[in-house]
PDB file of N, CA and C in Angstrom:
ATOM      1  N   UNK A   1       0.854  -1.158   0.000  1.00  0.00           N
ATOM      2  CA  UNK A   1       0.000   0.000   0.000  1.00  0.00           C
ATOM      3  C   UNK A   1       0.908   1.231   0.000  1.00  0.00           C
ATOM      4  N   UNK A   2       0.619   2.152  -0.890  1.00  0.00           N
ATOM      5  CA  UNK A   2       1.394   3.384  -0.966  1.00  0.00           C
ATOM      6  C   UNK A   2       0.792   4.426  -0.032  1.00  0.00           C
ATOM      7  N   UNK A   3       1.658   5.157   0.627  1.00  0.00           N
ATOM      8  CA  UNK A   3       1.237   6.286   1.447  1.00  0.00           C
ATOM      9  C   UNK A   3       1.628   7.536   0.672  1.00  0.00           C
ATOM     10  N   UNK A   4       0.627   8.348   0.360  1.00  0.00           N
ATOM     11  CA  UNK A   4       0.849   9.561  -0.421  1.00  0.00           C
ATOM     12  C   UNK A   4       0.174  10.740   0.276  1.00  0.00           C
ATOM     13  N   UNK A   5       0.473  11.946  -0.210  1.00  0.00           N
ATOM     14  CA  UNK A   5      -0.191  13.130   0.329  1.00  0.00           C
ATOM     15  C   UNK A   5      -1.659  13.112  -0.094  1.00  0.00           C
ATOM     16  N   UNK A   6      -2.456  13.949   0.536  1.00  0.00           N
ATOM     17  CA  UNK A   6      -3.900  13.975   0.272  1.00  0.00           C
ATOM     18  C   UNK A   6      -4.218  14.246  -1.199  1.00  0.00           C
ATOM     19  N   UNK A   7      -3.402  15.052  -1.851  1.00  0.00           N
ATOM     20  CA  UNK A   7      -3.648  15.341  -3.267  1.00  0.00           C
ATOM     21  C   UNK A   7      -2.895  14.388  -4.202  1.00  0.00           C
ATOM     22  N   UNK A   8      -2.252  13.388  -3.622  1.00  0.00           N
ATOM     23  CA  UNK A   8      -1.504  12.353  -4.365  1.00  0.00           C
ATOM     24  C   UNK A   8      -0.324  12.914  -5.154  1.00  0.00           C
ATOM     25  N   UNK A   9       0.152  14.089  -4.790  1.00  0.00           N
ATOM     26  CA  UNK A   9       1.260  14.682  -5.526  1.00  0.00           C
ATOM     27  C   UNK A   9       2.627  14.202  -5.050  1.00  0.00           C
ATOM     28  N   UNK A  10       2.681  13.655  -3.815  1.00  0.00           N
ATOM     29  CA  UNK A  10       3.963  13.194  -3.280  1.00  0.00           C
ATOM     30  C   UNK A  10       3.824  11.805  -2.676  1.00  0.00           C
ATOM     31  N   UNK A  11       4.792  10.967  -2.998  1.00  0.00           N
ATOM     32  CA  UNK A  11       4.887   9.632  -2.421  1.00  0.00           C
ATOM     33  C   UNK A  11       5.639   9.752  -1.100  1.00  0.00           C
ATOM     34  N   UNK A  12       5.099   9.159  -0.029  1.00  0.00           N
ATOM     35  CA  UNK A  12       5.745   9.217   1.278  1.00  0.00           C
ATOM     36  C   UNK A  12       6.523   7.937   1.530  1.00  0.00           C
ATOM     37  N   UNK A  13       5.847   6.812   1.479  1.00  0.00           N
ATOM     38  CA  UNK A  13       6.503   5.522   1.665  1.00  0.00           C
ATOM     39  C   UNK A  13       5.528   4.418   1.279  1.00  0.00           C
ATOM     40  N   UNK A  14       6.027   3.212   1.277  1.00  0.00           N
ATOM     41  CA  UNK A  14       5.179   2.053   1.032  1.00  0.00           C
ATOM     42  C   UNK A  14       4.998   1.333   2.354  1.00  0.00           C
ATOM     43  N   UNK A  15       3.772   0.986   2.668  1.00  0.00           N
ATOM     44  CA  UNK A  15       3.472   0.278   3.907  1.00  0.00           C
ATOM     45  C   UNK A  15       2.898  -1.084   3.570  1.00  0.00           C
ATOM     46  N   UNK A  16       3.366  -2.119   4.248  1.00  0.00           N
ATOM     47  CA  UNK A  16       2.828  -3.442   3.973  1.00  0.00           C
ATOM     48  C   UNK A  16       1.359  -3.517   4.383  1.00  0.00           C
ATOM     49  N   UNK A  17       0.567  -4.138   3.554  1.00  0.00           N
ATOM     50  CA  UNK A  17      -0.851  -4.304   3.854  1.00  0.00           C
ATOM     51  C   UNK A  17      -1.193  -5.777   3.686  1.00  0.00           C
ATOM     52  N   UNK A  18      -1.525  -6.390   4.782  1.00  0.00           N
ATOM     53  CA  UNK A  18      -1.863  -7.809   4.747  1.00  0.00           C
ATOM     54  C   UNK A  18      -2.674  -8.151   5.978  1.00  0.00           C
ATOM     55  N   UNK A  19      -3.666  -8.982   5.817  1.00  0.00           N
ATOM     56  CA  UNK A  19      -4.444  -9.439   6.962  1.00  0.00           C
ATOM     57  C   UNK A  19      -3.740 -10.590   7.667  1.00  0.00           C
ATOM     58  N   UNK A  20      -2.709 -11.125   7.023  1.00  0.00           N
ATOM     59  CA  UNK A  20      -1.965 -12.228   7.606  1.00  0.00           C
ATOM     60  C   UNK A  20      -0.958 -11.709   8.624  1.00  0.00           C
ATOM     61  N   UNK A  21      -0.749 -12.467   9.667  1.00  0.00           N
ATOM     62  CA  UNK A  21       0.295 -12.128  10.630  1.00  0.00           C
ATOM     63  C   UNK A  21       1.625 -12.660  10.103  1.00  0.00           C
ATOM     64  N   UNK A  22       2.663 -11.870  10.236  1.00  0.00           N
ATOM     65  CA  UNK A  22       3.983 -12.342   9.844  1.00  0.00           C
ATOM     66  C   UNK A  22       5.012 -11.761  10.796  1.00  0.00           C
ATOM     67  N   UNK A  23       6.114 -12.438  10.889  1.00  0.00           N
ATOM     68  CA  UNK A  23       7.175 -12.010  11.801  1.00  0.00           C
ATOM     69  C   UNK A  23       7.671 -10.627  11.407  1.00  0.00           C
ATOM     70  N   UNK A  24       7.800  -9.760  12.387  1.00  0.00           N
ATOM     71  CA  UNK A  24       8.333  -8.433  12.146  1.00  0.00           C
ATOM     72  C   UNK A  24       7.310  -7.400  11.712  1.00  0.00           C
ATOM     73  N   UNK A  25       6.057  -7.786  11.610  1.00  0.00           N
ATOM     74  CA  UNK A  25       5.024  -6.863  11.132  1.00  0.00           C
ATOM     75  C   UNK A  25       4.947  -5.602  11.994  1.00  0.00           C
ATOM     76  N   UNK A  26       4.958  -5.766  13.302  1.00  0.00           N
ATOM     77  CA  UNK A  26       4.858  -4.608  14.189  1.00  0.00           C
ATOM     78  C   UNK A  26       6.058  -3.684  14.020  1.00  0.00           C
ATOM     79  N   UNK A  27       7.244  -4.241  13.922  1.00  0.00           N
ATOM     80  CA  UNK A  27       8.456  -3.432  13.747  1.00  0.00           C
ATOM     81  C   UNK A  27       8.409  -2.669  12.428  1.00  0.00           C
ATOM     82  N   UNK A  28       7.983  -3.325  11.367  1.00  0.00           N
ATOM     83  CA  UNK A  28       7.877  -2.659  10.067  1.00  0.00           C
ATOM     84  C   UNK A  28       6.871  -1.515  10.147  1.00  0.00           C
ATOM     85  N   UNK A  29       5.746  -1.753  10.807  1.00  0.00           N
ATOM     86  CA  UNK A  29       4.727  -0.712  10.953  1.00  0.00           C
ATOM     87  C   UNK A  29       5.275   0.478  11.725  1.00  0.00           C
ATOM     88  N   UNK A  30       6.021   0.223  12.787  1.00  0.00           N
ATOM     89  CA  UNK A  30       6.613   1.314  13.572  1.00  0.00           C
ATOM     90  C   UNK A  30       7.604   2.120  12.731  1.00  0.00           C
ATOM     91  N   UNK A  31       8.381   1.444  11.908  1.00  0.00           N
ATOM     92  CA  UNK A  31       9.345   2.130  11.046  1.00  0.00           C
ATOM     93  C   UNK A  31       8.629   3.016  10.034  1.00  0.00           C
ATOM     94  N   UNK A  32       7.552   2.513   9.473  1.00  0.00           N
ATOM     95  CA  UNK A  32       6.801   3.283   8.479  1.00  0.00           C
ATOM     96  C   UNK A  32       6.118   4.485   9.119  1.00  0.00           C
ATOM     97  N   UNK A  33       5.610   4.329  10.323  1.00  0.00           N
ATOM     98  CA  UNK A  33       5.001   5.451  11.043  1.00  0.00           C
ATOM     99  C   UNK A  33       6.048   6.534  11.289  1.00  0.00           C
ATOM    100  N   UNK A  34       7.263   6.132  11.616  1.00  0.00           N
ATOM    101  CA  UNK A  34       8.349   7.098  11.823  1.00  0.00           C
ATOM    102  C   UNK A  34       8.648   7.858  10.531  1.00  0.00           C
ATOM    103  N   UNK A  35       8.636   7.173   9.399  1.00  0.00           N
ATOM    104  CA  UNK A  35       8.872   7.816   8.108  1.00  0.00           C
ATOM    105  C   UNK A  35       7.763   8.833   7.824  1.00  0.00           C
ATOM    106  N   UNK A  36       6.526   8.449   8.087  1.00  0.00           N
ATOM    107  CA  UNK A  36       5.387   9.342   7.853  1.00  0.00           C
ATOM    108  C   UNK A  36       5.476  10.568   8.760  1.00  0.00           C
ATOM    109  N   UNK A  37       5.795  10.361  10.030  1.00  0.00           N
ATOM    110  CA  UNK A  37       5.918  11.485  10.965  1.00  0.00           C
ATOM    111  C   UNK A  37       7.034  12.433  10.537  1.00  0.00           C
ATOM    112  N   UNK A  38       8.157  11.892  10.072  1.00  0.00           N
ATOM    113  CA  UNK A  38       9.256  12.730   9.604  1.00  0.00           C
ATOM    114  C   UNK A  38       8.825  13.523   8.380  1.00  0.00           C
ATOM    115  N   UNK A  39       8.132  12.872   7.460  1.00  0.00           N
ATOM    116  CA  UNK A  39       7.651  13.568   6.273  1.00  0.00           C
ATOM    117  C   UNK A  39       6.746  14.727   6.676  1.00  0.00           C
ATOM    118  N   UNK A  40       5.832  14.472   7.595  1.00  0.00           N
ATOM    119  CA  UNK A  40       4.920  15.537   8.042  1.00  0.00           C
ATOM    120  C   UNK A  40       5.683  16.691   8.699  1.00  0.00           C
ATOM    121  N   UNK A  41       6.652  16.359   9.534  1.00  0.00           N
ATOM    122  CA  UNK A  41       7.449  17.391  10.195  1.00  0.00           C
ATOM    123  C   UNK A  41       8.242  18.221   9.177  1.00  0.00           C
ATOM    124  N   UNK A  42       8.806  17.549   8.182  1.00  0.00           N
ATOM    125  CA  UNK A  42       9.600  18.228   7.159  1.00  0.00           C
ATOM    126  C   UNK A  42       8.741  19.089   6.228  1.00  0.00           C
ATOM    127  N   UNK A  43       7.461  18.770   6.142  1.00  0.00           N
ATOM    128  CA  UNK A  43       6.578  19.464   5.204  1.00  0.00           C
ATOM    129  C   UNK A  43       5.501  20.281   5.907  1.00  0.00           C
ATOM    130  N   UNK A  44       5.739  20.665   7.130  1.00  0.00           N
ATOM    131  CA  UNK A  44       4.829  21.520   7.850  1.00  0.00           C
ATOM    132  C   UNK A  44       3.473  20.904   8.128  1.00  0.00           C
ATOM    133  N   UNK A  45       3.425  19.579   8.212  1.00  0.00           N
ATOM    134  CA  UNK A  45       2.179  18.894   8.521  1.00  0.00           C
ATOM    135  C   UNK A  45       1.279  18.667   7.339  1.00  0.00           C
ATOM    136  N   UNK A  46       1.720  19.017   6.140  1.00  0.00           N
ATOM    137  CA  UNK A  46       0.899  18.846   4.936  1.00  0.00           C
ATOM    138  C   UNK A  46       1.354  17.656   4.151  1.00  0.00           C
TER     139      UNK A  46
END
């Protein structure tokens, strides 16, 4: 699943999307959340 800005003009990161449980899923999710938070901070929350 791609994470993009609301207007789809910028790609933020790719986040795994699966209903299946797999090893490391929580860690990957935490890493992606950190990337998203950094993007928001760098772009004034937009």
